[in-house]
Amino acid sequence: MSTSPSEGKSRAEGGKWWRQVGVPQDRVLRTTAVLVVLCCAAVTRVHATFNHRSYCGVSAYSHRYYMRIVGGRSVLAGEWPWQVALQQKDPYSGRRLGQHCGGTLIHPSWILTAAHCIVDPIFKFALPPPFWTVRVGEVSLSAETLRLYPVSKIITHKHFDSKTWDNDIALVKLRKPLNLEEHAGLVNTICLPSRNMSFVGLQCSVTGWGRTKKHGSNSDMLQTIRVPVMPTKKCQRSYRKISPVSNSMICAGWEDGGMGPCVGDSGGPLQCRARGGPWIQAGITSWGVGCAEPSYPGVYIRVSDYLDWIYKHLEKTY
């Protein structure tokens, strides 16, 4: 897994990246009933605000077993039904220019992603809707598909900082809302967290089509890994000589490395759940050093810190 294709350098050199792999079966997700209650509160808010009738955070699979394979394991159709592929296209010819970043369906009309996926790194402005297309309900990027959707609106956080990666969050609106029932379980939305929800100590999942090796190529098949969420202060110590980790960021990764995002995974979700509960998006894949390097966890944007920003922009369009 990884961040955007144009970023092959380490964070210390001004770039970013990301990758993924599987996790040992003996590392079991531990959680409490508190998270279950908070999950349901988040689901209610999204449904009440946008009259969204689907059940967010529900997948066709139990996700009980994970293989430890460097580079991640390929997923099954419908396993992560909110994962989308954000692809660039030529606005004049309509020709697709290839996979760029990941994103997450949070509403039938809206995708949550990273601002650095949208903002041109040279000219520092967001590429407008004609440059983008969104692919939903797919696990293989080479498969023939009719699930390509045009974009009508792009919103990046006005305080996004391309040097510190603060506020690395963006919203993409589809031209027409998806009819989730038409996709037979292959497409669904993920739940948003409630305010101040903590995921520290949980093993959460990361998904993406990014590189499976630091100097390798992007994966054709969507990959998944499990990584533990760590305390922010511990993450800040790890990165103290490289780049600041703000409290609006969340870190996840194994101490000995070997599993984590890489170039091409940016914008995708860090997703967590309690046993039997819905999947909740804890973070947005943002930045890191190398690909699953020891002592350097992946850094994600903390979604719970941006709920007001998300709801404000979604409500403006209804």
C-alpha atoms as a PDB file:
ATOM      1  CA  MET A   1       0.000   0.000   0.000  1.00  0.00           C
ATOM      2  CA  SER A   2       1.095   3.700  -0.294  1.00  0.00           C
ATOM      3  CA  THR A   3       0.245   7.431  -1.015  1.00  0.00           C
ATOM      4  CA  SER A   4       0.136   9.274  -4.326  1.00  0.00           C
ATOM      5  CA  PRO A   5       2.138   8.063  -7.361  1.00  0.00           C
ATOM      6  CA  SER A   6       3.964  11.367  -7.744  1.00  0.00           C
ATOM      7  CA  GLU A   7       5.534  11.087  -4.298  1.00  0.00           C
ATOM      8  CA  GLY A   8       8.375   8.623  -4.172  1.00  0.00           C
ATOM      9  CA  LYS A   9      10.600  10.355  -1.609  1.00  0.00           C
ATOM     10  CA  SER A  10      10.487   9.935   2.139  1.00  0.00           C
ATOM     11  CA  ARG A  11       8.647  12.458   4.292  1.00  0.00           C
ATOM     12  CA  ALA A  12      11.994  13.807   5.476  1.00  0.00           C
ATOM     13  CA  GLU A  13      12.765  14.812   1.898  1.00  0.00           C
ATOM     14  CA  GLY A  14       9.420  16.504   1.398  1.00  0.00           C
ATOM     15  CA  GLY A  15       7.547  13.573  -0.122  1.00  0.00           C
ATOM     16  CA  LYS A  16       5.268  10.817   1.186  1.00  0.00           C
ATOM     17  CA  TRP A  17       4.254   7.280   0.414  1.00  0.00           C
ATOM     18  CA  TRP A  18       2.424   4.197   1.740  1.00  0.00           C
ATOM     19  CA  ARG A  19       2.012   0.384   1.633  1.00  0.00           C
ATOM     20  CA  GLN A  20       0.180  -2.588   3.160  1.00  0.00           C
ATOM     21  CA  VAL A  21       0.459  -6.223   4.278  1.00  0.00           C
ATOM     22  CA  GLY A  22      -1.274  -8.835   6.446  1.00  0.00           C
ATOM     23  CA  VAL A  23      -1.119  -9.425  10.201  1.00  0.00           C
ATOM     24  CA  PRO A  24      -0.472 -12.431  12.489  1.00  0.00           C
ATOM     25  CA  GLN A  25      -3.563 -14.418  13.421  1.00  0.00           C
ATOM     26  CA  ASP A  26      -2.609 -14.457  17.106  1.00  0.00           C
ATOM     27  CA  ARG A  27      -2.843 -10.668  17.419  1.00  0.00           C
ATOM     28  CA  VAL A  28      -6.474 -10.327  18.427  1.00  0.00           C
ATOM     29  CA  LEU A  29      -8.476  -7.110  18.363  1.00  0.00           C
ATOM     30  CA  ARG A  30      -9.357  -6.095  21.918  1.00  0.00           C
ATOM     31  CA  THR A  31     -11.977  -3.467  22.625  1.00  0.00           C
ATOM     32  CA  THR A  32     -14.739  -2.481  25.049  1.00  0.00           C
ATOM     33  CA  ALA A  33     -18.457  -1.947  25.048  1.00  0.00           C
ATOM     34  CA  VAL A  34     -17.810   1.801  25.162  1.00  0.00           C
ATOM     35  CA  LEU A  35     -16.692   1.766  21.531  1.00  0.00           C
ATOM     36  CA  VAL A  36     -19.872  -0.049  20.531  1.00  0.00           C
ATOM     37  CA  VAL A  37     -21.992   2.707  22.075  1.00  0.00           C
ATOM     38  CA  LEU A  38     -19.921   5.421  20.398  1.00  0.00           C
ATOM     39  CA  CYS A  39     -20.163   3.621  17.065  1.00  0.00           C
ATOM     40  CA  CYS A  40     -23.944   3.726  17.151  1.00  0.00           C
ATOM     41  CA  ALA A  41     -23.979   7.417  18.041  1.00  0.00           C
ATOM     42  CA  ALA A  42     -21.906   8.166  14.945  1.00  0.00           C
ATOM     43  CA  VAL A  43     -24.204   6.108  12.718  1.00  0.00           C
ATOM     44  CA  THR A  44     -27.274   7.926  14.000  1.00  0.00           C
ATOM     45  CA  ARG A  45     -25.756  11.333  13.280  1.00  0.00           C
ATOM     46  CA  VAL A  46     -24.934  10.526   9.676  1.00  0.00           C
ATOM     47  CA  HIS A  47     -28.348   9.010   8.977  1.00  0.00           C
ATOM     48  CA  ALA A  48     -30.282  11.810  10.660  1.00  0.00           C
ATOM     49  CA  THR A  49     -28.355  14.541   8.886  1.00  0.00           C
ATOM     50  CA  PHE A  50     -28.474  13.183   5.363  1.00  0.00           C
ATOM     51  CA  ASN A  51     -31.496  10.856   5.397  1.00  0.00           C
ATOM     52  CA  HIS A  52     -29.150   8.040   4.436  1.00  0.00           C
ATOM     53  CA  ARG A  53     -31.089   4.773   4.583  1.00  0.00           C
ATOM     54  CA  SER A  54     -28.227   2.293   4.176  1.00  0.00           C
ATOM     55  CA  TYR A  55     -26.449   0.651   7.106  1.00  0.00           C
ATOM     56  CA  CYS A  56     -23.011   2.225   7.159  1.00  0.00           C
ATOM     57  CA  GLY A  57     -19.951   0.223   8.132  1.00  0.00           C
ATOM     58  CA  VAL A  58     -21.454  -3.144   7.205  1.00  0.00           C
ATOM     59  CA  SER A  59     -19.398  -5.540   5.082  1.00  0.00           C
ATOM     60  CA  ALA A  60     -20.268  -8.930   3.646  1.00  0.00           C
ATOM     61  CA  TYR A  61     -17.286 -10.490   5.462  1.00  0.00           C
ATOM     62  CA  SER A  62     -16.388 -11.083   9.108  1.00  0.00           C
ATOM     63  CA  HIS A  63     -12.672 -10.217   8.659  1.00  0.00           C
ATOM     64  CA  ARG A  64     -11.654 -12.822  11.224  1.00  0.00           C
ATOM     65  CA  TYR A  65      -8.552 -14.155   9.538  1.00  0.00           C
ATOM     66  CA  TYR A  66      -5.537 -12.239   8.244  1.00  0.00           C
ATOM     67  CA  MET A  67      -2.501 -13.691   6.511  1.00  0.00           C
ATOM     68  CA  ARG A  68       0.959 -12.325   7.238  1.00  0.00           C
ATOM     69  CA  ILE A  69       2.166 -11.726   3.687  1.00  0.00           C
ATOM     70  CA  VAL A  70       4.586  -8.865   2.983  1.00  0.00           C
ATOM     71  CA  GLY A  71       2.783  -6.458   0.664  1.00  0.00           C
ATOM     72  CA  GLY A  72      -0.596  -7.353   2.132  1.00  0.00           C
ATOM     73  CA  ARG A  73      -3.257  -9.764   1.056  1.00  0.00           C
ATOM     74  CA  SER A  74      -5.715  -9.251  -1.759  1.00  0.00           C
ATOM     75  CA  VAL A  75      -9.293  -8.630  -0.714  1.00  0.00           C
ATOM     76  CA  LEU A  76     -12.537 -10.173  -1.884  1.00  0.00           C
ATOM     77  CA  ALA A  77     -15.278  -8.322  -3.742  1.00  0.00           C
ATOM     78  CA  GLY A  78     -17.514  -6.570  -1.214  1.00  0.00           C
ATOM     79  CA  GLU A  79     -15.053  -6.991   1.651  1.00  0.00           C
ATOM     80  CA  TRP A  80     -14.367  -3.238   1.928  1.00  0.00           C
ATOM     81  CA  PRO A  81     -17.367  -1.827   0.015  1.00  0.00           C
ATOM     82  CA  TRP A  82     -16.650   1.837   0.900  1.00  0.00           C
ATOM     83  CA  GLN A  83     -13.149   1.866  -0.610  1.00  0.00           C
ATOM     84  CA  VAL A  84     -13.015   3.827  -3.875  1.00  0.00           C
ATOM     85  CA  ALA A  85     -10.279   4.522  -6.407  1.00  0.00           C
ATOM     86  CA  LEU A  86      -9.696   8.173  -7.226  1.00  0.00           C
ATOM     87  CA  GLN A  87      -8.373   8.317 -10.782  1.00  0.00           C
ATOM     88  CA  GLN A  88      -7.188  11.189 -12.951  1.00  0.00           C
ATOM     89  CA  LYS A  89      -8.368  11.693 -16.512  1.00  0.00           C
ATOM     90  CA  ASP A  90      -7.739  13.983 -19.466  1.00  0.00           C
ATOM     91  CA  PRO A  91     -10.635  16.489 -19.297  1.00  0.00           C
ATOM     92  CA  TYR A  92     -10.558  16.957 -23.078  1.00  0.00           C
ATOM     93  CA  SER A  93     -10.306  13.416 -24.420  1.00  0.00           C
ATOM     94  CA  GLY A  94     -11.824  11.683 -21.391  1.00  0.00           C
ATOM     95  CA  ARG A  95      -8.915   9.218 -21.405  1.00  0.00           C
ATOM     96  CA  ARG A  96      -8.142   7.793 -17.981  1.00  0.00           C
ATOM     97  CA  LEU A  97      -4.617   8.606 -16.777  1.00  0.00           C
ATOM     98  CA  GLY A  98      -4.482   5.918 -14.102  1.00  0.00           C
ATOM     99  CA  GLN A  99      -4.854   5.320 -10.398  1.00  0.00           C
ATOM    100  CA  HIS A 100      -3.922   8.271  -8.204  1.00  0.00           C
ATOM    101  CA  CYS A 101      -5.242   7.842  -4.650  1.00  0.00           C
ATOM    102  CA  GLY A 102      -7.785   6.082  -2.506  1.00  0.00           C
ATOM    103  CA  GLY A 103     -10.920   7.442  -0.898  1.00  0.00           C
ATOM    104  CA  THR A 104     -13.862   6.394   1.239  1.00  0.00           C
ATOM    105  CA  LEU A 105     -17.577   6.561   0.543  1.00  0.00           C
ATOM    106  CA  ILE A 106     -19.195   8.297   3.541  1.00  0.00           C
ATOM    107  CA  HIS A 107     -22.510   9.092   1.810  1.00  0.00           C
ATOM    108  CA  PRO A 108     -24.017   8.009  -1.541  1.00  0.00           C
ATOM    109  CA  SER A 109     -22.809  11.337  -2.998  1.00  0.00           C
ATOM    110  CA  TRP A 110     -19.608  12.013  -1.070  1.00  0.00           C
ATOM    111  CA  ILE A 111     -16.065  10.633  -0.841  1.00  0.00           C
ATOM    112  CA  LEU A 112     -13.582  11.468   1.917  1.00  0.00           C
ATOM    113  CA  THR A 113      -9.924  11.605   0.856  1.00  0.00           C
ATOM    114  CA  ALA A 114      -6.631  13.432   1.495  1.00  0.00           C
ATOM    115  CA  ALA A 115      -6.132  17.031   0.352  1.00  0.00           C
ATOM    116  CA  HIS A 116      -2.653  16.279  -0.999  1.00  0.00           C
ATOM    117  CA  CYS A 117      -4.268  13.849  -3.437  1.00  0.00           C
ATOM    118  CA  ILE A 118      -6.298  16.699  -4.926  1.00  0.00           C
ATOM    119  CA  VAL A 119      -3.912  19.664  -4.735  1.00  0.00           C
ATOM    120  CA  ASP A 120      -1.345  19.993  -7.526  1.00  0.00           C
ATOM    121  CA  PRO A 121       2.092  19.786  -5.806  1.00  0.00           C
ATOM    122  CA  ILE A 122       3.638  22.402  -8.117  1.00  0.00           C
ATOM    123  CA  PHE A 123       0.895  24.976  -8.628  1.00  0.00           C
ATOM    124  CA  LYS A 124      -0.702  24.473  -5.193  1.00  0.00           C
ATOM    125  CA  PHE A 125      -4.328  24.478  -6.310  1.00  0.00           C
ATOM    126  CA  ALA A 126      -6.975  21.764  -6.345  1.00  0.00           C
ATOM    127  CA  LEU A 127      -7.480  20.134  -9.721  1.00  0.00           C
ATOM    128  CA  PRO A 128     -11.121  20.771 -10.746  1.00  0.00           C
ATOM    129  CA  PRO A 129     -13.811  18.078 -11.209  1.00  0.00           C
ATOM    130  CA  PRO A 130     -13.224  17.466 -14.968  1.00  0.00           C
ATOM    131  CA  PHE A 131      -9.803  15.993 -14.104  1.00  0.00           C
ATOM    132  CA  TRP A 132     -11.255  13.253 -11.898  1.00  0.00           C
ATOM    133  CA  THR A 133     -13.258  10.062 -12.061  1.00  0.00           C
ATOM    134  CA  VAL A 134     -14.210   7.753  -9.190  1.00  0.00           C
ATOM    135  CA  ARG A 135     -14.249   3.970  -9.392  1.00  0.00           C
ATOM    136  CA  VAL A 136     -16.451   2.180  -6.856  1.00  0.00           C
ATOM    137  CA  GLY A 137     -17.177  -1.433  -5.903  1.00  0.00           C
ATOM    138  CA  GLU A 138     -13.968  -2.807  -7.443  1.00  0.00           C
ATOM    139  CA  VAL A 139     -11.025  -4.784  -6.124  1.00  0.00           C
ATOM    140  CA  SER A 140      -9.093  -5.168  -9.408  1.00  0.00           C
ATOM    141  CA  LEU A 141      -8.079  -2.037 -11.299  1.00  0.00           C
ATOM    142  CA  SER A 142      -7.531  -3.997 -14.513  1.00  0.00           C
ATOM    143  CA  ALA A 143     -11.045  -5.445 -14.560  1.00  0.00           C
ATOM    144  CA  GLU A 144     -13.529  -4.093 -17.075  1.00  0.00           C
ATOM    145  CA  THR A 145     -16.080  -2.037 -15.212  1.00  0.00           C
ATOM    146  CA  LEU A 146     -19.084   0.197 -15.596  1.00  0.00           C
ATOM    147  CA  ARG A 147     -18.665   1.569 -12.072  1.00  0.00           C
ATOM    148  CA  LEU A 148     -16.948   4.809 -13.095  1.00  0.00           C
ATOM    149  CA  TYR A 149     -18.539   8.017 -11.863  1.00  0.00           C
ATOM    150  CA  PRO A 150     -17.889  11.662 -12.783  1.00  0.00           C
ATOM    151  CA  VAL A 151     -17.205  14.300 -10.145  1.00  0.00           C
ATOM    152  CA  SER A 152     -19.172  17.535  -9.690  1.00  0.00           C
ATOM    153  CA  LYS A 153     -17.422  19.216  -6.761  1.00  0.00           C
ATOM    154  CA  ILE A 154     -14.037  19.252  -4.989  1.00  0.00           C
ATOM    155  CA  ILE A 155     -13.554  20.696  -1.496  1.00  0.00           C
ATOM    156  CA  THR A 156     -10.135  20.847   0.172  1.00  0.00           C
ATOM    157  CA  HIS A 157      -9.532  22.161   3.676  1.00  0.00           C
ATOM    158  CA  LYS A 158      -8.591  25.842   3.345  1.00  0.00           C
ATOM    159  CA  HIS A 159      -5.829  25.445   5.948  1.00  0.00           C
ATOM    160  CA  PHE A 160      -4.167  22.426   4.339  1.00  0.00           C
ATOM    161  CA  ASP A 161      -0.388  22.838   4.689  1.00  0.00           C
ATOM    162  CA  SER A 162       1.661  20.919   2.124  1.00  0.00           C
ATOM    163  CA  LYS A 163       4.793  21.272   4.284  1.00  0.00           C
ATOM    164  CA  THR A 164       3.471  19.993   7.602  1.00  0.00           C
ATOM    165  CA  TRP A 165       0.511  18.022   6.185  1.00  0.00           C
ATOM    166  CA  ASP A 166      -1.812  19.588   8.716  1.00  0.00           C
ATOM    167  CA  ASN A 167      -5.490  19.497   7.664  1.00  0.00           C
ATOM    168  CA  ASP A 168      -4.780  16.954   4.918  1.00  0.00           C
ATOM    169  CA  ILE A 169      -8.450  16.321   4.206  1.00  0.00           C
ATOM    170  CA  ALA A 170     -10.754  16.774   1.207  1.00  0.00           C
ATOM    171  CA  LEU A 171     -14.254  15.940   0.009  1.00  0.00           C
ATOM    172  CA  VAL A 172     -15.215  14.805  -3.482  1.00  0.00           C
ATOM    173  CA  LYS A 173     -18.836  14.959  -4.602  1.00  0.00           C
ATOM    174  CA  LEU A 174     -20.188  12.623  -7.268  1.00  0.00           C
ATOM    175  CA  ARG A 175     -22.301  14.125 -10.034  1.00  0.00           C
ATOM    176  CA  LYS A 176     -25.159  11.799  -9.087  1.00  0.00           C
ATOM    177  CA  PRO A 177     -25.722   9.905  -5.813  1.00  0.00           C
ATOM    178  CA  LEU A 178     -25.119   6.172  -5.883  1.00  0.00           C
ATOM    179  CA  ASN A 179     -28.033   3.790  -5.510  1.00  0.00           C
ATOM    180  CA  LEU A 180     -26.410   1.392  -3.057  1.00  0.00           C
ATOM    181  CA  GLU A 181     -29.090  -1.260  -3.505  1.00  0.00           C
ATOM    182  CA  GLU A 182     -28.193  -1.629  -7.182  1.00  0.00           C
ATOM    183  CA  HIS A 183     -24.677  -2.802  -6.346  1.00  0.00           C
ATOM    184  CA  ALA A 184     -25.648  -6.040  -4.564  1.00  0.00           C
ATOM    185  CA  GLY A 185     -23.419  -5.600  -1.507  1.00  0.00           C
ATOM    186  CA  LEU A 186     -20.367  -4.431  -3.468  1.00  0.00           C
ATOM    187  CA  VAL A 187     -20.828  -0.768  -2.497  1.00  0.00           C
ATOM    188  CA  ASN A 188     -21.676   0.734   0.894  1.00  0.00           C
ATOM    189  CA  THR A 189     -20.733   3.676   3.096  1.00  0.00           C
ATOM    190  CA  ILE A 190     -18.454   3.607   6.138  1.00  0.00           C
ATOM    191  CA  CYS A 191     -19.501   5.129   9.470  1.00  0.00           C
ATOM    192  CA  LEU A 192     -17.925   8.315  10.774  1.00  0.00           C
ATOM    193  CA  PRO A 193     -16.644   8.373  14.365  1.00  0.00           C
ATOM    194  CA  SER A 194     -18.159  10.378  17.182  1.00  0.00           C
ATOM    195  CA  ARG A 195     -16.243  13.256  18.729  1.00  0.00           C
ATOM    196  CA  ASN A 196     -13.315  12.421  21.008  1.00  0.00           C
ATOM    197  CA  MET A 197     -13.510   8.724  20.120  1.00  0.00           C
ATOM    198  CA  SER A 198     -10.220   6.989  20.951  1.00  0.00           C
ATOM    199  CA  PHE A 199      -8.880   4.019  18.987  1.00  0.00           C
ATOM    200  CA  VAL A 200      -5.577   3.626  20.859  1.00  0.00           C
ATOM    201  CA  GLY A 201      -4.726  -0.044  21.381  1.00  0.00           C
ATOM    202  CA  LEU A 202      -7.099  -1.336  18.720  1.00  0.00           C
ATOM    203  CA  GLN A 203      -5.896  -3.247  15.691  1.00  0.00           C
ATOM    204  CA  CYS A 204      -7.431  -1.483  12.724  1.00  0.00           C
ATOM    205  CA  SER A 205      -7.352  -2.124   8.988  1.00  0.00           C
ATOM    206  CA  VAL A 206      -5.788  -0.144   6.153  1.00  0.00           C
ATOM    207  CA  THR A 207      -6.666  -0.707   2.492  1.00  0.00           C
ATOM    208  CA  GLY A 208      -5.254   0.529  -0.801  1.00  0.00           C
ATOM    209  CA  TRP A 209      -3.819  -0.150  -4.254  1.00  0.00           C
ATOM    210  CA  GLY A 210      -0.400   1.309  -3.440  1.00  0.00           C
ATOM    211  CA  ARG A 211       3.048  -0.208  -3.756  1.00  0.00           C
ATOM    212  CA  THR A 212       3.645  -3.563  -2.119  1.00  0.00           C
ATOM    213  CA  LYS A 213       7.385  -2.824  -1.882  1.00  0.00           C
ATOM    214  CA  LYS A 214       9.230   0.449  -1.336  1.00  0.00           C
ATOM    215  CA  HIS A 215      10.610   0.486  -4.879  1.00  0.00           C
ATOM    216  CA  GLY A 216       7.941  -1.725  -6.415  1.00  0.00           C
ATOM    217  CA  SER A 217       4.877  -0.989  -8.485  1.00  0.00           C
ATOM    218  CA  ASN A 218       1.305  -0.334  -7.425  1.00  0.00           C
ATOM    219  CA  SER A 219      -0.924  -3.337  -6.839  1.00  0.00           C
ATOM    220  CA  ASP A 220      -3.642  -4.209  -9.331  1.00  0.00           C
ATOM    221  CA  MET A 221      -5.644  -5.866  -6.542  1.00  0.00           C
ATOM    222  CA  LEU A 222      -6.881  -3.976  -3.501  1.00  0.00           C
ATOM    223  CA  GLN A 223      -4.731  -4.951  -0.498  1.00  0.00           C
ATOM    224  CA  THR A 224      -5.428  -4.980   3.239  1.00  0.00           C
ATOM    225  CA  ILE A 225      -3.428  -5.075   6.487  1.00  0.00           C
ATOM    226  CA  ARG A 226      -4.051  -4.838  10.219  1.00  0.00           C
ATOM    227  CA  VAL A 227      -2.054  -2.326  12.286  1.00  0.00           C
ATOM    228  CA  PRO A 228      -2.292  -1.254  15.953  1.00  0.00           C
ATOM    229  CA  VAL A 229      -3.177   2.352  16.789  1.00  0.00           C
ATOM    230  CA  MET A 230      -0.575   3.942  19.081  1.00  0.00           C
ATOM    231  CA  PRO A 231      -0.695   6.897  21.506  1.00  0.00           C
ATOM    232  CA  THR A 232      -0.032  10.241  19.816  1.00  0.00           C
ATOM    233  CA  LYS A 233       2.809  11.147  22.186  1.00  0.00           C
ATOM    234  CA  LYS A 234       4.660   7.957  21.321  1.00  0.00           C
ATOM    235  CA  CYS A 235       4.287   8.735  17.629  1.00  0.00           C
ATOM    236  CA  GLN A 236       5.484  12.300  18.192  1.00  0.00           C
ATOM    237  CA  ARG A 237       8.666  10.957  19.781  1.00  0.00           C
ATOM    238  CA  SER A 238       9.283   8.712  16.774  1.00  0.00           C
ATOM    239  CA  TYR A 239       9.029  11.638  14.350  1.00  0.00           C
ATOM    240  CA  ARG A 240      10.527  14.395  16.520  1.00  0.00           C
ATOM    241  CA  LYS A 241      13.609  14.787  14.266  1.00  0.00           C
ATOM    242  CA  ILE A 242      11.667  14.522  11.007  1.00  0.00           C
ATOM    243  CA  SER A 243       8.338  16.332  11.096  1.00  0.00           C
ATOM    244  CA  PRO A 244       5.780  17.368  13.718  1.00  0.00           C
ATOM    245  CA  VAL A 245       2.835  15.081  14.415  1.00  0.00           C
ATOM    246  CA  SER A 246      -0.117  17.221  15.498  1.00  0.00           C
ATOM    247  CA  ASN A 247      -2.947  16.141  17.779  1.00  0.00           C
ATOM    248  CA  SER A 248      -5.206  16.112  14.704  1.00  0.00           C
ATOM    249  CA  MET A 249      -3.223  13.160  13.393  1.00  0.00           C
ATOM    250  CA  ILE A 250      -3.444   9.506  14.422  1.00  0.00           C
ATOM    251  CA  CYS A 251      -0.629   6.945  14.119  1.00  0.00           C
ATOM    252  CA  ALA A 252      -0.782   3.207  13.537  1.00  0.00           C
ATOM    253  CA  GLY A 253       1.879   0.605  12.827  1.00  0.00           C
ATOM    254  CA  TRP A 254       4.022  -2.247  14.154  1.00  0.00           C
ATOM    255  CA  GLU A 255       7.199  -1.501  16.122  1.00  0.00           C
ATOM    256  CA  ASP A 256       9.286  -3.783  13.910  1.00  0.00           C
ATOM    257  CA  GLY A 257       7.769  -2.452  10.678  1.00  0.00           C
ATOM    258  CA  GLY A 258       7.068  -4.803   7.795  1.00  0.00           C
ATOM    259  CA  MET A 259       3.404  -3.797   7.496  1.00  0.00           C
ATOM    260  CA  GLY A 260       2.034  -0.398   6.604  1.00  0.00           C
ATOM    261  CA  PRO A 261       0.979   1.944   3.779  1.00  0.00           C
ATOM    262  CA  CYS A 262       3.234   2.969   0.890  1.00  0.00           C
ATOM    263  CA  VAL A 263       3.137   5.144  -2.259  1.00  0.00           C
ATOM    264  CA  GLY A 264      -0.342   5.014  -3.806  1.00  0.00           C
ATOM    265  CA  ASP A 265      -2.371   4.410  -0.635  1.00  0.00           C
ATOM    266  CA  SER A 266      -2.957   8.065   0.290  1.00  0.00           C
ATOM    267  CA  GLY A 267      -6.529   9.145   0.849  1.00  0.00           C
ATOM    268  CA  GLY A 268      -7.705   5.669   1.822  1.00  0.00           C
ATOM    269  CA  PRO A 269      -9.134   4.717   5.217  1.00  0.00           C
ATOM    270  CA  LEU A 270      -7.765   3.600   8.552  1.00  0.00           C
ATOM    271  CA  GLN A 271     -10.876   1.701   9.655  1.00  0.00           C
ATOM    272  CA  CYS A 272     -11.683   0.254  13.070  1.00  0.00           C
ATOM    273  CA  ARG A 273     -14.545  -1.566  14.746  1.00  0.00           C
ATOM    274  CA  ALA A 274     -15.644  -3.234  17.937  1.00  0.00           C
ATOM    275  CA  ARG A 275     -16.582  -6.913  17.811  1.00  0.00           C
ATOM    276  CA  GLY A 276     -19.884  -7.198  16.027  1.00  0.00           C
ATOM    277  CA  GLY A 277     -20.093  -3.442  15.474  1.00  0.00           C
ATOM    278  CA  PRO A 278     -19.928  -1.442  12.246  1.00  0.00           C
ATOM    279  CA  TRP A 279     -16.677  -0.286  10.676  1.00  0.00           C
ATOM    280  CA  ILE A 280     -15.744   3.303  11.522  1.00  0.00           C
ATOM    281  CA  GLN A 281     -13.250   5.514   9.698  1.00  0.00           C
ATOM    282  CA  ALA A 282     -10.691   6.562  12.299  1.00  0.00           C
ATOM    283  CA  GLY A 283      -8.212   8.126   9.894  1.00  0.00           C
ATOM    284  CA  ILE A 284      -7.280   9.128   6.347  1.00  0.00           C
ATOM    285  CA  THR A 285      -3.971   7.809   5.024  1.00  0.00           C
ATOM    286  CA  SER A 286      -1.682  10.849   4.882  1.00  0.00           C
ATOM    287  CA  TRP A 287       2.100  10.486   5.310  1.00  0.00           C
ATOM    288  CA  GLY A 288       5.051   8.615   6.769  1.00  0.00           C
ATOM    289  CA  VAL A 289       8.689   7.632   6.215  1.00  0.00           C
ATOM    290  CA  GLY A 290       9.643   4.951   3.712  1.00  0.00           C
ATOM    291  CA  CYS A 291       7.296   1.987   3.509  1.00  0.00           C
ATOM    292  CA  ALA A 292       6.526   0.186   6.766  1.00  0.00           C
ATOM    293  CA  GLU A 293       9.891   1.136   8.266  1.00  0.00           C
ATOM    294  CA  PRO A 294      10.652   0.002  11.849  1.00  0.00           C
ATOM    295  CA  SER A 295       9.851   2.660  14.480  1.00  0.00           C
ATOM    296  CA  TYR A 296       8.018   4.846  11.945  1.00  0.00           C
ATOM    297  CA  PRO A 297       4.267   4.209  12.016  1.00  0.00           C
ATOM    298  CA  GLY A 298       1.898   5.426   9.345  1.00  0.00           C
ATOM    299  CA  VAL A 299       0.387   8.846  10.009  1.00  0.00           C
ATOM    300  CA  TYR A 300      -3.295   9.464   9.309  1.00  0.00           C
ATOM    301  CA  ILE A 301      -5.613  12.446   9.616  1.00  0.00           C
ATOM    302  CA  ARG A 302      -7.845  12.068  12.688  1.00  0.00           C
ATOM    303  CA  VAL A 303     -11.372  12.099  11.225  1.00  0.00           C
ATOM    304  CA  SER A 304     -13.099  12.833  14.545  1.00  0.00           C
ATOM    305  CA  ASP A 305     -11.368  16.237  14.656  1.00  0.00           C
ATOM    306  CA  TYR A 306     -12.988  17.246  11.361  1.00  0.00           C
ATOM    307  CA  LEU A 307     -16.618  16.241  11.875  1.00  0.00           C
ATOM    308  CA  ASP A 308     -17.858  19.842  11.970  1.00  0.00           C
ATOM    309  CA  TRP A 309     -15.966  20.601   8.750  1.00  0.00           C
ATOM    310  CA  ILE A 310     -17.393  17.517   7.034  1.00  0.00           C
ATOM    311  CA  TYR A 311     -20.991  18.078   8.140  1.00  0.00           C
ATOM    312  CA  LYS A 312     -20.859  21.785   7.291  1.00  0.00           C
ATOM    313  CA  HIS A 313     -19.869  21.158   3.688  1.00  0.00           C
ATOM    314  CA  LEU A 314     -22.226  18.238   3.173  1.00  0.00           C
ATOM    315  CA  GLU A 315     -25.180  20.138   4.604  1.00  0.00           C
ATOM    316  CA  LYS A 316     -24.491  23.130   2.348  1.00  0.00           C
ATOM    317  CA  THR A 317     -25.299  21.033  -0.697  1.00  0.00           C
ATOM    318  CA  TYR A 318     -28.752  19.866   0.462  1.00  0.00           C
END
